[in-house]
Amino acid sequence: MPEDFRDYLRCSSPVEFNLDEHFGNWWGIREIKNIPDEWGPEIGPLVPGRADQYLFFLDHCFWAWAWAISCADDESRGKVVLIAGIEHDKVVADSFTDFVRKYTRSWGDVL
């Protein structure tokens, strides 16, 4: 697991359902799931064969879309992806720290 994401889970993740000012629900450590367990087996070409190594940590507006972080031991490690439907999935940040900086500065930067 990327170190900055592990630190977030250990020190800052919520303990109950919450919505921030952008209608984002930051998942507590007990809600964190990988893509297949939460989304199912159908996933676009962005994370083929590695979907089980991506963990969802935030969804928008009661699951309109969500963000997941790569915990793989390859070049994708730490990258945050937007999962919004096969044709809209994309990498939005190079690390969890970068994602949080973008989200808090102007959350549209991670869409």
Protein backbone atom coordinates (compact mmCIF):
# COMPACT_ATOMS: atom_id res chain seq x y z
CA MET A 1 0.00 0.00 0.00
CA PRO A 2 1.40 3.46 -0.83
CA GLU A 3 2.82 5.06 2.31
CA ASP A 4 0.80 8.32 2.12
CA PHE A 5 -2.45 6.36 1.71
CA ARG A 6 -1.55 4.01 4.57
CA ASP A 7 -0.85 7.05 6.79
CA TYR A 8 -4.24 8.52 5.85
CA LEU A 9 -6.02 5.30 6.80
CA ARG A 10 -4.14 5.03 10.05
CA CYS A 11 -4.52 8.67 11.15
CA SER A 12 -7.28 10.49 9.28
CA SER A 13 -9.90 8.30 7.64
CA PRO A 14 -13.46 8.85 8.87
CA VAL A 15 -15.11 6.42 11.26
CA GLU A 16 -18.65 6.95 9.99
CA PHE A 17 -20.51 8.03 6.86
CA ASN A 18 -19.82 11.62 5.92
CA LEU A 19 -20.34 14.02 3.07
CA ASP A 20 -17.97 16.87 2.46
CA GLU A 21 -18.89 20.20 0.86
CA HIS A 22 -18.52 18.63 -2.62
CA PHE A 23 -20.82 15.69 -1.80
CA GLY A 24 -17.80 13.43 -1.51
CA ASN A 25 -18.05 10.51 0.89
CA TRP A 26 -14.57 9.65 2.19
CA TRP A 27 -14.73 5.96 3.10
CA GLY A 28 -13.72 4.72 6.51
CA ILE A 29 -11.18 1.96 6.76
CA ARG A 30 -13.94 -0.65 7.16
CA GLU A 31 -15.60 0.41 3.89
CA ILE A 32 -12.47 0.33 1.72
CA LYS A 33 -12.86 -2.27 -1.06
CA ASN A 34 -11.03 -3.15 -4.22
CA ILE A 35 -12.63 -2.51 -7.60
CA PRO A 36 -14.01 -6.03 -8.26
CA ASP A 37 -15.49 -6.34 -4.76
CA GLU A 38 -17.26 -2.97 -5.02
CA TRP A 39 -17.86 -2.45 -8.74
CA GLY A 40 -17.91 -6.00 -10.08
CA PRO A 41 -15.88 -7.76 -12.75
CA GLU A 42 -16.71 -5.37 -15.60
CA ILE A 43 -13.99 -2.74 -15.73
CA GLY A 44 -12.66 -0.67 -18.58
CA PRO A 45 -9.21 -0.83 -20.16
CA LEU A 46 -7.63 1.51 -17.59
CA VAL A 47 -6.83 -1.22 -15.02
CA PRO A 48 -7.12 -4.56 -16.86
CA GLY A 49 -5.87 -7.52 -14.88
CA ARG A 50 -5.04 -5.32 -11.89
CA ALA A 51 -8.44 -4.12 -10.69
CA ASP A 52 -8.11 -6.16 -7.50
CA GLN A 53 -5.06 -4.05 -6.62
CA TYR A 54 -6.97 -0.75 -6.69
CA LEU A 55 -8.82 0.37 -3.57
CA PHE A 56 -11.83 2.69 -3.60
CA PHE A 57 -11.59 5.39 -0.94
CA LEU A 58 -14.03 8.15 -1.99
CA ASP A 59 -17.27 8.33 -3.93
CA HIS A 60 -19.22 11.31 -5.18
CA CYS A 61 -22.90 11.99 -4.59
CA PHE A 62 -23.93 8.51 -3.48
CA TRP A 63 -21.85 6.66 -6.07
CA ALA A 64 -22.21 8.78 -9.18
CA TRP A 65 -18.50 8.00 -9.58
CA ALA A 66 -15.58 7.13 -7.30
CA TRP A 67 -11.82 7.32 -6.93
CA ALA A 68 -9.47 4.40 -6.32
CA ILE A 69 -5.75 4.18 -5.60
CA SER A 70 -3.35 1.63 -7.04
CA CYS A 71 -1.62 -0.58 -4.50
CA ALA A 72 0.11 -2.60 -7.22
CA ASP A 73 3.85 -3.16 -7.21
CA ASP A 74 4.36 -1.69 -10.67
CA GLU A 75 4.47 1.70 -12.41
CA SER A 76 0.85 2.40 -11.44
CA ARG A 77 1.55 2.26 -7.67
CA GLY A 78 0.07 5.23 -5.85
CA LYS A 79 -1.76 6.63 -8.87
CA VAL A 80 -5.37 7.64 -8.25
CA VAL A 81 -7.97 6.84 -10.89
CA LEU A 82 -11.47 8.17 -11.43
CA ILE A 83 -13.93 5.34 -12.06
CA ALA A 84 -16.94 6.89 -13.76
CA GLY A 85 -17.97 4.42 -16.42
CA ILE A 86 -15.70 2.66 -18.88
CA GLU A 87 -15.28 5.53 -21.35
CA HIS A 88 -14.68 8.10 -18.60
CA ASP A 89 -12.15 6.28 -16.38
CA LYS A 90 -8.81 8.06 -16.13
CA VAL A 91 -5.76 8.71 -13.95
CA VAL A 92 -6.29 11.98 -12.06
CA ALA A 93 -3.30 12.11 -9.68
CA ASP A 94 0.16 10.60 -9.35
CA SER A 95 -0.20 10.00 -5.59
CA PHE A 96 -2.73 10.19 -2.77
CA THR A 97 -1.02 13.36 -1.53
CA ASP A 98 -1.33 14.91 -5.00
CA PHE A 99 -5.00 13.87 -5.15
CA VAL A 100 -5.83 15.46 -1.78
CA ARG A 101 -4.02 18.67 -2.78
CA LYS A 102 -5.99 18.89 -6.03
CA TYR A 103 -9.30 17.91 -4.41
CA THR A 104 -9.02 20.50 -1.65
CA ARG A 105 -7.76 23.26 -3.94
CA SER A 106 -10.32 22.77 -6.73
CA TRP A 107 -12.06 19.43 -6.70
CA GLY A 108 -12.88 19.70 -10.41
CA ASP A 109 -9.18 19.06 -11.04
CA VAL A 110 -9.74 15.38 -10.20
CA LEU A 111 -12.61 14.82 -12.64
